Amino acid sequence: MAVMRISKVFIRLCHKAWNPNDIESLQLDVLVSLTLVEMHFPPSFFDIMTHLLYHLVDELHMCGPVATRWMYPIERYMKTLKLYVHNMARPKVSMAKGYIGDEC
């Protein structure tokens, strides 16, 4: 139940459109979800990452939707470029040649 509540919080955080009036209810959901997690998991489970969930709601309020600041597509593309590197002495040239080869 606790993990499902946290999953729902993340789904609400990652929406492309959000209502600023829902910030308080989202913060309350985060608090209740983290309290449920604290009841079921040992204290060694908790580190700074579980605490950051509370601050993600504040970041949503200050900066807007997460989808506009998402880094996953860029990181995925960087992985693709890194796969093109065959000559470690000149990685940029290898990336360029691999990219041009795929485009052709």
PDB file of N, CA and C in Angstrom:
ATOM      1  N   MET A   1       0.823  -1.192   0.000  1.00  0.00           N
ATOM      2  CA  MET A   1       0.000   0.000   0.000  1.00  0.00           C
ATOM      3  C   MET A   1       0.869   1.258   0.000  1.00  0.00           C
ATOM      4  N   ALA A   2       1.942   1.234   0.812  1.00  0.00           N
ATOM      5  CA  ALA A   2       2.809   2.405   0.915  1.00  0.00           C
ATOM      6  C   ALA A   2       3.546   2.672  -0.393  1.00  0.00           C
ATOM      7  N   VAL A   3       4.026   1.618  -1.021  1.00  0.00           N
ATOM      8  CA  VAL A   3       4.751   1.777  -2.287  1.00  0.00           C
ATOM      9  C   VAL A   3       3.800   2.254  -3.386  1.00  0.00           C
ATOM     10  N   MET A   4       2.556   1.775  -3.358  1.00  0.00           N
ATOM     11  CA  MET A   4       1.580   2.219  -4.350  1.00  0.00           C
ATOM     12  C   MET A   4       1.258   3.701  -4.173  1.00  0.00           C
ATOM     13  N   ARG A   5       1.177   4.164  -2.929  1.00  0.00           N
ATOM     14  CA  ARG A   5       0.907   5.585  -2.689  1.00  0.00           C
ATOM     15  C   ARG A   5       2.058   6.449  -3.195  1.00  0.00           C
ATOM     16  N   ILE A   6       3.290   5.996  -2.967  1.00  0.00           N
ATOM     17  CA  ILE A   6       4.438   6.762  -3.451  1.00  0.00           C
ATOM     18  C   ILE A   6       4.452   6.763  -4.974  1.00  0.00           C
ATOM     19  N   SER A   7       4.074   5.652  -5.587  1.00  0.00           N
ATOM     20  CA  SER A   7       4.001   5.606  -7.051  1.00  0.00           C
ATOM     21  C   SER A   7       2.978   6.616  -7.577  1.00  0.00           C
ATOM     22  N   LYS A   8       1.853   6.715  -6.899  1.00  0.00           N
ATOM     23  CA  LYS A   8       0.842   7.686  -7.313  1.00  0.00           C
ATOM     24  C   LYS A   8       1.342   9.116  -7.141  1.00  0.00           C
ATOM     25  N   VAL A   9       2.135   9.361  -6.098  1.00  0.00           N
ATOM     26  CA  VAL A   9       2.717  10.695  -5.911  1.00  0.00           C
ATOM     27  C   VAL A   9       3.656  11.022  -7.067  1.00  0.00           C
ATOM     28  N   PHE A  10       4.491  10.053  -7.468  1.00  0.00           N
ATOM     29  CA  PHE A  10       5.394  10.293  -8.588  1.00  0.00           C
ATOM     30  C   PHE A  10       4.627  10.514  -9.884  1.00  0.00           C
ATOM     31  N   ILE A  11       3.538   9.801 -10.073  1.00  0.00           N
ATOM     32  CA  ILE A  11       2.719  10.012 -11.274  1.00  0.00           C
ATOM     33  C   ILE A  11       2.169  11.428 -11.282  1.00  0.00           C
ATOM     34  N   ARG A  12       1.705  11.897 -10.127  1.00  0.00           N
ATOM     35  CA  ARG A  12       1.183  13.264 -10.052  1.00  0.00           C
ATOM     36  C   ARG A  12       2.288  14.295 -10.248  1.00  0.00           C
ATOM     37  N   LEU A  13       3.503  13.989  -9.792  1.00  0.00           N
ATOM     38  CA  LEU A  13       4.621  14.918  -9.976  1.00  0.00           C
ATOM     39  C   LEU A  13       5.037  15.027 -11.437  1.00  0.00           C
ATOM     40  N   CYS A  14       4.890  13.954 -12.198  1.00  0.00           N
ATOM     41  CA  CYS A  14       5.397  13.915 -13.566  1.00  0.00           C
ATOM     42  C   CYS A  14       4.369  14.307 -14.612  1.00  0.00           C
ATOM     43  N   HIS A  15       3.199  14.753 -14.219  1.00  0.00           N
ATOM     44  CA  HIS A  15       2.206  15.191 -15.204  1.00  0.00           C
ATOM     45  C   HIS A  15       2.732  16.393 -15.983  1.00  0.00           C
ATOM     46  N   LYS A  16       2.328  16.491 -17.237  1.00  0.00           N
ATOM     47  CA  LYS A  16       2.759  17.624 -18.054  1.00  0.00           C
ATOM     48  C   LYS A  16       2.005  18.893 -17.708  1.00  0.00           C
ATOM     49  N   ALA A  17       0.800  18.762 -17.225  1.00  0.00           N
ATOM     50  CA  ALA A  17       0.005  19.911 -16.798  1.00  0.00           C
ATOM     51  C   ALA A  17      -0.379  19.706 -15.341  1.00  0.00           C
ATOM     52  N   TRP A  18      -0.328  20.757 -14.561  1.00  0.00           N
ATOM     53  CA  TRP A  18      -0.666  20.647 -13.143  1.00  0.00           C
ATOM     54  C   TRP A  18      -1.395  21.899 -12.691  1.00  0.00           C
ATOM     55  N   ASN A  19      -2.150  21.741 -11.649  1.00  0.00           N
ATOM     56  CA  ASN A  19      -2.930  22.827 -11.083  1.00  0.00           C
ATOM     57  C   ASN A  19      -2.214  23.336  -9.830  1.00  0.00           C
ATOM     58  N   PRO A  20      -1.829  24.610  -9.777  1.00  0.00           N
ATOM     59  CA  PRO A  20      -1.132  25.127  -8.595  1.00  0.00           C
ATOM     60  C   PRO A  20      -1.950  25.013  -7.310  1.00  0.00           C
ATOM     61  N   ASN A  21      -3.251  24.875  -7.424  1.00  0.00           N
ATOM     62  CA  ASN A  21      -4.078  24.736  -6.224  1.00  0.00           C
ATOM     63  C   ASN A  21      -3.959  23.352  -5.597  1.00  0.00           C
ATOM     64  N   ASP A  22      -3.406  22.389  -6.324  1.00  0.00           N
ATOM     65  CA  ASP A  22      -3.255  21.025  -5.816  1.00  0.00           C
ATOM     66  C   ASP A  22      -1.949  20.794  -5.064  1.00  0.00           C
ATOM     67  N   ILE A  23      -1.148  21.829  -4.895  1.00  0.00           N
ATOM     68  CA  ILE A  23       0.159  21.680  -4.238  1.00  0.00           C
ATOM     69  C   ILE A  23      -0.011  21.202  -2.799  1.00  0.00           C
ATOM     70  N   GLU A  24      -0.946  21.786  -2.066  1.00  0.00           N
ATOM     71  CA  GLU A  24      -1.132  21.408  -0.665  1.00  0.00           C
ATOM     72  C   GLU A  24      -1.584  19.959  -0.528  1.00  0.00           C
ATOM     73  N   SER A  25      -2.490  19.513  -1.393  1.00  0.00           N
ATOM     74  CA  SER A  25      -2.929  18.121  -1.320  1.00  0.00           C
ATOM     75  C   SER A  25      -1.805  17.167  -1.713  1.00  0.00           C
ATOM     76  N   LEU A  26      -0.962  17.581  -2.649  1.00  0.00           N
ATOM     77  CA  LEU A  26       0.180  16.753  -3.041  1.00  0.00           C
ATOM     78  C   LEU A  26       1.185  16.649  -1.900  1.00  0.00           C
ATOM     79  N   GLN A  27       1.438  17.756  -1.196  1.00  0.00           N
ATOM     80  CA  GLN A  27       2.343  17.707  -0.043  1.00  0.00           C
ATOM     81  C   GLN A  27       1.781  16.808   1.050  1.00  0.00           C
ATOM     82  N   LEU A  28       0.483  16.870   1.260  1.00  0.00           N
ATOM     83  CA  LEU A  28      -0.141  16.009   2.264  1.00  0.00           C
ATOM     84  C   LEU A  28      -0.024  14.546   1.851  1.00  0.00           C
ATOM     85  N   ASP A  29      -0.206  14.247   0.564  1.00  0.00           N
ATOM     86  CA  ASP A  29      -0.043  12.876   0.080  1.00  0.00           C
ATOM     87  C   ASP A  29       1.385  12.379   0.270  1.00  0.00           C
ATOM     88  N   VAL A  30       2.350  13.258   0.052  1.00  0.00           N
ATOM     89  CA  VAL A  30       3.750  12.883   0.257  1.00  0.00           C
ATOM     90  C   VAL A  30       3.998  12.564   1.728  1.00  0.00           C
ATOM     91  N   LEU A  31       3.492  13.406   2.614  1.00  0.00           N
ATOM     92  CA  LEU A  31       3.693  13.176   4.049  1.00  0.00           C
ATOM     93  C   LEU A  31       3.049  11.863   4.500  1.00  0.00           C
ATOM     94  N   VAL A  32       1.829  11.613   4.062  1.00  0.00           N
ATOM     95  CA  VAL A  32       1.146  10.373   4.450  1.00  0.00           C
ATOM     96  C   VAL A  32       1.875   9.165   3.862  1.00  0.00           C
ATOM     97  N   SER A  33       2.319   9.274   2.634  1.00  0.00           N
ATOM     98  CA  SER A  33       3.024   8.160   1.985  1.00  0.00           C
ATOM     99  C   SER A  33       4.336   7.850   2.690  1.00  0.00           C
ATOM    100  N   LEU A  34       5.092   8.894   3.022  1.00  0.00           N
ATOM    101  CA  LEU A  34       6.356   8.660   3.722  1.00  0.00           C
ATOM    102  C   LEU A  34       6.120   8.106   5.122  1.00  0.00           C
ATOM    103  N   THR A  35       5.050   8.495   5.776  1.00  0.00           N
ATOM    104  CA  THR A  35       4.731   7.953   7.092  1.00  0.00           C
ATOM    105  C   THR A  35       4.390   6.468   6.992  1.00  0.00           C
ATOM    106  N   LEU A  36       3.649   6.095   5.954  1.00  0.00           N
ATOM    107  CA  LEU A  36       3.347   4.674   5.749  1.00  0.00           C
ATOM    108  C   LEU A  36       4.614   3.879   5.467  1.00  0.00           C
ATOM    109  N   VAL A  37       5.516   4.459   4.702  1.00  0.00           N
ATOM    110  CA  VAL A  37       6.780   3.771   4.407  1.00  0.00           C
ATOM    111  C   VAL A  37       7.594   3.601   5.689  1.00  0.00           C
ATOM    112  N   GLU A  38       7.591   4.615   6.542  1.00  0.00           N
ATOM    113  CA  GLU A  38       8.330   4.523   7.806  1.00  0.00           C
ATOM    114  C   GLU A  38       7.783   3.431   8.707  1.00  0.00           C
ATOM    115  N   MET A  39       6.504   3.145   8.596  1.00  0.00           N
ATOM    116  CA  MET A  39       5.907   2.096   9.417  1.00  0.00           C
ATOM    117  C   MET A  39       6.325   0.699   8.963  1.00  0.00           C
ATOM    118  N   HIS A  40       6.652   0.529   7.687  1.00  0.00           N
ATOM    119  CA  HIS A  40       6.917  -0.806   7.153  1.00  0.00           C
ATOM    120  C   HIS A  40       8.390  -1.111   6.883  1.00  0.00           C
ATOM    121  N   PHE A  41       9.219  -0.089   6.756  1.00  0.00           N
ATOM    122  CA  PHE A  41      10.625  -0.323   6.437  1.00  0.00           C
ATOM    123  C   PHE A  41      11.506   0.034   7.626  1.00  0.00           C
ATOM    124  N   PRO A  42      12.664  -0.603   7.752  1.00  0.00           N
ATOM    125  CA  PRO A  42      13.557  -0.287   8.877  1.00  0.00           C
ATOM    126  C   PRO A  42      14.201   1.087   8.698  1.00  0.00           C
ATOM    127  N   PRO A  43      14.699   1.678   9.784  1.00  0.00           N
ATOM    128  CA  PRO A  43      15.322   3.005   9.688  1.00  0.00           C
ATOM    129  C   PRO A  43      16.541   3.060   8.767  1.00  0.00           C
ATOM    130  N   SER A  44      17.209   1.921   8.561  1.00  0.00           N
ATOM    131  CA  SER A  44      18.371   1.914   7.674  1.00  0.00           C
ATOM    132  C   SER A  44      17.981   2.143   6.221  1.00  0.00           C
ATOM    133  N   PHE A  45      16.705   1.985   5.891  1.00  0.00           N
ATOM    134  CA  PHE A  45      16.232   2.210   4.531  1.00  0.00           C
ATOM    135  C   PHE A  45      16.263   3.684   4.157  1.00  0.00           C
ATOM    136  N   PHE A  46      16.105   4.549   5.140  1.00  0.00           N
ATOM    137  CA  PHE A  46      15.935   5.973   4.875  1.00  0.00           C
ATOM    138  C   PHE A  46      17.272   6.685   4.773  1.00  0.00           C
ATOM    139  N   ASP A  47      17.414   7.408   3.699  1.00  0.00           N
ATOM    140  CA  ASP A  47      18.573   8.268   3.500  1.00  0.00           C
ATOM    141  C   ASP A  47      18.063   9.581   2.928  1.00  0.00           C
ATOM    142  N   ILE A  48      18.941  10.359   2.354  1.00  0.00           N
ATOM    143  CA  ILE A  48      18.551  11.672   1.845  1.00  0.00           C
ATOM    144  C   ILE A  48      17.587  11.566   0.671  1.00  0.00           C
ATOM    145  N   MET A  49      17.631  10.476  -0.090  1.00  0.00           N
ATOM    146  CA  MET A  49      16.772  10.350  -1.267  1.00  0.00           C
ATOM    147  C   MET A  49      15.294  10.230  -0.896  1.00  0.00           C
ATOM    148  N   THR A  50      14.991   9.540   0.199  1.00  0.00           N
ATOM    149  CA  THR A  50      13.593   9.456   0.605  1.00  0.00           C
ATOM    150  C   THR A  50      13.093  10.800   1.117  1.00  0.00           C
ATOM    151  N   HIS A  51      13.967  11.585   1.701  1.00  0.00           N
ATOM    152  CA  HIS A  51      13.584  12.911   2.182  1.00  0.00           C
ATOM    153  C   HIS A  51      13.384  13.890   1.022  1.00  0.00           C
ATOM    154  N   LEU A  52      14.088  13.688  -0.070  1.00  0.00           N
ATOM    155  CA  LEU A  52      13.984  14.601  -1.211  1.00  0.00           C
ATOM    156  C   LEU A  52      12.613  14.573  -1.875  1.00  0.00           C
ATOM    157  N   LEU A  53      11.861  13.523  -1.664  1.00  0.00           N
ATOM    158  CA  LEU A  53      10.516  13.451  -2.224  1.00  0.00           C
ATOM    159  C   LEU A  53       9.658  14.615  -1.745  1.00  0.00           C
ATOM    160  N   TYR A  54       9.832  15.002  -0.499  1.00  0.00           N
ATOM    161  CA  TYR A  54       9.079  16.138   0.030  1.00  0.00           C
ATOM    162  C   TYR A  54       9.461  17.429  -0.694  1.00  0.00           C
ATOM    163  N   HIS A  55      10.739  17.589  -1.014  1.00  0.00           N
ATOM    164  CA  HIS A  55      11.202  18.816  -1.667  1.00  0.00           C
ATOM    165  C   HIS A  55      10.868  18.862  -3.158  1.00  0.00           C
ATOM    166  N   LEU A  56      10.578  17.720  -3.764  1.00  0.00           N
ATOM    167  CA  LEU A  56      10.171  17.720  -5.171  1.00  0.00           C
ATOM    168  C   LEU A  56       8.856  18.465  -5.370  1.00  0.00           C
ATOM    169  N   VAL A  57       7.987  18.438  -4.376  1.00  0.00           N
ATOM    170  CA  VAL A  57       6.729  19.179  -4.461  1.00  0.00           C
ATOM    171  C   VAL A  57       7.001  20.676  -4.462  1.00  0.00           C
ATOM    172  N   ASP A  58       7.940  21.127  -3.620  1.00  0.00           N
ATOM    173  CA  ASP A  58       8.310  22.548  -3.616  1.00  0.00           C
ATOM    174  C   ASP A  58       8.929  22.953  -4.946  1.00  0.00           C
ATOM    175  N   GLU A  59       9.745  22.073  -5.505  1.00  0.00           N
ATOM    176  CA  GLU A  59      10.367  22.358  -6.805  1.00  0.00           C
ATOM    177  C   GLU A  59       9.314  22.441  -7.908  1.00  0.00           C
ATOM    178  N   LEU A  60       8.293  21.604  -7.821  1.00  0.00           N
ATOM    179  CA  LEU A  60       7.197  21.667  -8.779  1.00  0.00           C
ATOM    180  C   LEU A  60       6.498  23.013  -8.683  1.00  0.00           C
ATOM    181  N   HIS A  61       6.314  23.481  -7.491  1.00  0.00           N
ATOM    182  CA  HIS A  61       5.642  24.765  -7.286  1.00  0.00           C
ATOM    183  C   HIS A  61       6.493  25.931  -7.797  1.00  0.00           C
ATOM    184  N   MET A  62       7.813  25.861  -7.589  1.00  0.00           N
ATOM    185  CA  MET A  62       8.702  26.962  -7.989  1.00  0.00           C
ATOM    186  C   MET A  62       9.023  26.953  -9.481  1.00  0.00           C
ATOM    187  N   CYS A  63       9.284  25.774 -10.053  1.00  0.00           N
ATOM    188  CA  CYS A  63       9.819  25.697 -11.417  1.00  0.00           C
ATOM    189  C   CYS A  63       8.820  25.231 -12.466  1.00  0.00           C
ATOM    190  N   GLY A  64       7.702  24.703 -12.063  1.00  0.00           N
ATOM    191  CA  GLY A  64       6.743  24.222 -13.041  1.00  0.00           C
ATOM    192  C   GLY A  64       6.871  22.732 -13.276  1.00  0.00           C
ATOM    193  N   PRO A  65       6.217  22.217 -14.315  1.00  0.00           N
ATOM    194  CA  PRO A  65       6.189  20.770 -14.559  1.00  0.00           C
ATOM    195  C   PRO A  65       7.574  20.173 -14.753  1.00  0.00           C
ATOM    196  N   VAL A  66       7.702  18.945 -14.300  1.00  0.00           N
ATOM    197  CA  VAL A  66       8.979  18.236 -14.390  1.00  0.00           C
ATOM    198  C   VAL A  66       9.303  17.894 -15.837  1.00  0.00           C
ATOM    199  N   ALA A  67       8.283  17.666 -16.647  1.00  0.00           N
ATOM    200  CA  ALA A  67       8.499  17.241 -18.035  1.00  0.00           C
ATOM    201  C   ALA A  67       9.283  18.264 -18.841  1.00  0.00           C
ATOM    202  N   THR A  68       9.228  19.551 -18.464  1.00  0.00           N
ATOM    203  CA  THR A  68       9.985  20.565 -19.205  1.00  0.00           C
ATOM    204  C   THR A  68      11.459  20.574 -18.819  1.00  0.00           C
ATOM    205  N   ARG A  69      11.797  19.926 -17.695  1.00  0.00           N
ATOM    206  CA  ARG A  69      13.189  19.893 -17.227  1.00  0.00           C
ATOM    207  C   ARG A  69      13.740  18.475 -17.183  1.00  0.00           C
ATOM    208  N   TRP A  70      13.139  17.583 -17.926  1.00  0.00           N
ATOM    209  CA  TRP A  70      13.484  16.172 -17.911  1.00  0.00           C
ATOM    210  C   TRP A  70      14.822  15.937 -18.591  1.00  0.00           C
ATOM    211  N   MET A  71      15.729  15.197 -17.971  1.00  0.00           N
ATOM    212  CA  MET A  71      17.053  14.939 -18.531  1.00  0.00           C
ATOM    213  C   MET A  71      17.188  13.547 -19.157  1.00  0.00           C
ATOM    214  N   TYR A  72      16.212  12.679 -18.979  1.00  0.00           N
ATOM    215  CA  TYR A  72      16.338  11.317 -19.481  1.00  0.00           C
ATOM    216  C   TYR A  72      16.526  11.232 -20.987  1.00  0.00           C
ATOM    217  N   PRO A  73      15.805  11.984 -21.815  1.00  0.00           N
ATOM    218  CA  PRO A  73      16.050  11.861 -23.259  1.00  0.00           C
ATOM    219  C   PRO A  73      17.473  12.255 -23.651  1.00  0.00           C
ATOM    220  N   ILE A  74      18.001  13.273 -23.001  1.00  0.00           N
ATOM    221  CA  ILE A  74      19.366  13.724 -23.305  1.00  0.00           C
ATOM    222  C   ILE A  74      20.372  12.669 -22.871  1.00  0.00           C
ATOM    223  N   GLU A  75      20.164  12.086 -21.682  1.00  0.00           N
ATOM    224  CA  GLU A  75      21.079  11.049 -21.215  1.00  0.00           C
ATOM    225  C   GLU A  75      21.020   9.808 -22.109  1.00  0.00           C
ATOM    226  N   ARG A  76      19.838   9.456 -22.586  1.00  0.00           N
ATOM    227  CA  ARG A  76      19.709   8.323 -23.494  1.00  0.00           C
ATOM    228  C   ARG A  76      20.458   8.584 -24.797  1.00  0.00           C
ATOM    229  N   TYR A  77      20.350   9.801 -25.311  1.00  0.00           N
ATOM    230  CA  TYR A  77      21.040  10.141 -26.548  1.00  0.00           C
ATOM    231  C   TYR A  77      22.554  10.127 -26.340  1.00  0.00           C
ATOM    232  N   MET A  78      23.019  10.579 -25.175  1.00  0.00           N
ATOM    233  CA  MET A  78      24.456  10.532 -24.887  1.00  0.00           C
ATOM    234  C   MET A  78      24.962   9.087 -24.849  1.00  0.00           C
ATOM    235  N   LYS A  79      24.129   8.162 -24.349  1.00  0.00           N
ATOM    236  CA  LYS A  79      24.511   6.755 -24.365  1.00  0.00           C
ATOM    237  C   LYS A  79      24.678   6.265 -25.796  1.00  0.00           C
ATOM    238  N   THR A  80      23.776   6.687 -26.685  1.00  0.00           N
ATOM    239  CA  THR A  80      23.872   6.306 -28.090  1.00  0.00           C
ATOM    240  C   THR A  80      25.160   6.834 -28.696  1.00  0.00           C
ATOM    241  N   LEU A  81      25.497   8.083 -28.390  1.00  0.00           N
ATOM    242  CA  LEU A  81      26.739   8.656 -28.925  1.00  0.00           C
ATOM    243  C   LEU A  81      27.965   7.946 -28.362  1.00  0.00           C
ATOM    244  N   LYS A  82      27.923   7.560 -27.096  1.00  0.00           N
ATOM    245  CA  LYS A  82      29.070   6.865 -26.501  1.00  0.00           C
ATOM    246  C   LYS A  82      29.292   5.492 -27.113  1.00  0.00           C
ATOM    247  N   LEU A  83      28.222   4.881 -27.607  1.00  0.00           N
ATOM    248  CA  LEU A  83      28.375   3.580 -28.260  1.00  0.00           C
ATOM    249  C   LEU A  83      29.120   3.694 -29.584  1.00  0.00           C
ATOM    250  N   TYR A  84      29.150   4.881 -30.188  1.00  0.00           N
ATOM    251  CA  TYR A  84      29.865   5.094 -31.445  1.00  0.00           C
ATOM    252  C   TYR A  84      31.375   5.153 -31.242  1.00  0.00           C
ATOM    253  N   VAL A  85      31.844   5.362 -30.026  1.00  0.00           N
ATOM    254  CA  VAL A  85      33.279   5.542 -29.769  1.00  0.00           C
ATOM    255  C   VAL A  85      33.983   4.199 -29.884  1.00  0.00           C
ATOM    256  N   HIS A  86      34.885   4.125 -30.843  1.00  0.00           N
ATOM    257  CA  HIS A  86      35.719   2.933 -31.015  1.00  0.00           C
ATOM    258  C   HIS A  86      37.196   3.272 -30.828  1.00  0.00           C
ATOM    259  N   ASN A  87      37.563   4.509 -31.054  1.00  0.00           N
ATOM    260  CA  ASN A  87      38.935   4.950 -30.874  1.00  0.00           C
ATOM    261  C   ASN A  87      38.970   5.877 -29.659  1.00  0.00           C
ATOM    262  N   MET A  88      39.499   5.377 -28.539  1.00  0.00           N
ATOM    263  CA  MET A  88      39.492   6.158 -27.307  1.00  0.00           C
ATOM    264  C   MET A  88      40.450   7.351 -27.364  1.00  0.00           C
ATOM    265  N   ALA A  89      41.383   7.347 -28.336  1.00  0.00           N
ATOM    266  CA  ALA A  89      42.289   8.482 -28.477  1.00  0.00           C
ATOM    267  C   ALA A  89      41.549   9.697 -29.042  1.00  0.00           C
ATOM    268  N   ARG A  90      40.552   9.473 -29.871  1.00  0.00           N
ATOM    269  CA  ARG A  90      39.770  10.561 -30.475  1.00  0.00           C
ATOM    270  C   ARG A  90      38.264  10.241 -30.378  1.00  0.00           C
ATOM    271  N   PRO A  91      37.691  10.415 -29.193  1.00  0.00           N
ATOM    272  CA  PRO A  91      36.284  10.039 -29.032  1.00  0.00           C
ATOM    273  C   PRO A  91      35.319  10.913 -29.833  1.00  0.00           C
ATOM    274  N   LYS A  92      35.631  12.211 -29.961  1.00  0.00           N
ATOM    275  CA  LYS A  92      34.710  13.103 -30.694  1.00  0.00           C
ATOM    276  C   LYS A  92      34.652  12.745 -32.168  1.00  0.00           C
ATOM    277  N   VAL A  93      35.804  12.394 -32.748  1.00  0.00           N
ATOM    278  CA  VAL A  93      35.838  12.013 -34.159  1.00  0.00           C
ATOM    279  C   VAL A  93      35.068  10.707 -34.362  1.00  0.00           C
ATOM    280  N   SER A  94      35.247   9.766 -33.440  1.00  0.00           N
ATOM    281  CA  SER A  94      34.523   8.496 -33.553  1.00  0.00           C
ATOM    282  C   SER A  94      33.022   8.713 -33.461  1.00  0.00           C
ATOM    283  N   MET A  95      32.588   9.604 -32.555  1.00  0.00           N
ATOM    284  CA  MET A  95      31.161   9.907 -32.427  1.00  0.00           C
ATOM    285  C   MET A  95      30.621  10.511 -33.716  1.00  0.00           C
ATOM    286  N   ALA A  96      31.383  11.438 -34.268  1.00  0.00           N
ATOM    287  CA  ALA A  96      30.935  12.101 -35.498  1.00  0.00           C
ATOM    288  C   ALA A  96      30.844  11.105 -36.646  1.00  0.00           C
ATOM    289  N   LYS A  97      31.856  10.247 -36.796  1.00  0.00           N
ATOM    290  CA  LYS A  97      31.833   9.262 -37.876  1.00  0.00           C
ATOM    291  C   LYS A  97      30.687   8.273 -37.691  1.00  0.00           C
ATOM    292  N   GLY A  98      30.464   7.820 -36.476  1.00  0.00           N
ATOM    293  CA  GLY A  98      29.370   6.887 -36.213  1.00  0.00           C
ATOM    294  C   GLY A  98      28.019   7.521 -36.473  1.00  0.00           C
ATOM    295  N   TYR A  99      27.855   8.779 -36.102  1.00  0.00           N
ATOM    296  CA  TYR A  99      26.591   9.475 -36.315  1.00  0.00           C
ATOM    297  C   TYR A  99      26.330   9.666 -37.813  1.00  0.00           C
ATOM    298  N   ILE A 100      27.368  10.081 -38.540  1.00  0.00           N
ATOM    299  CA  ILE A 100      27.225  10.267 -39.976  1.00  0.00           C
ATOM    300  C   ILE A 100      26.938   8.946 -40.672  1.00  0.00           C
ATOM    301  N   GLY A 101      27.576   7.867 -40.196  1.00  0.00           N
ATOM    302  CA  GLY A 101      27.315   6.550 -40.770  1.00  0.00           C
ATOM    303  C   GLY A 101      25.876   6.122 -40.583  1.00  0.00           C
ATOM    304  N   ASP A 102      25.324   6.373 -39.415  1.00  0.00           N
ATOM    305  CA  ASP A 102      23.927   6.015 -39.173  1.00  0.00           C
ATOM    306  C   ASP A 102      22.974   6.893 -39.970  1.00  0.00           C
ATOM    307  N   GLU A 103      23.301   8.140 -40.141  1.00  0.00           N
ATOM    308  CA  GLU A 103      22.430   9.048 -40.887  1.00  0.00           C
ATOM    309  C   GLU A 103      22.422   8.706 -42.377  1.00  0.00           C
ATOM    310  N   CYS A 104      23.577   8.246 -42.875  1.00  0.00           N
ATOM    311  CA  CYS A 104      23.635   7.872 -44.296  1.00  0.00           C
ATOM    312  C   CYS A 104      22.891   6.590 -44.524  1.00  0.00           C
TER     313      CYS A 104
END
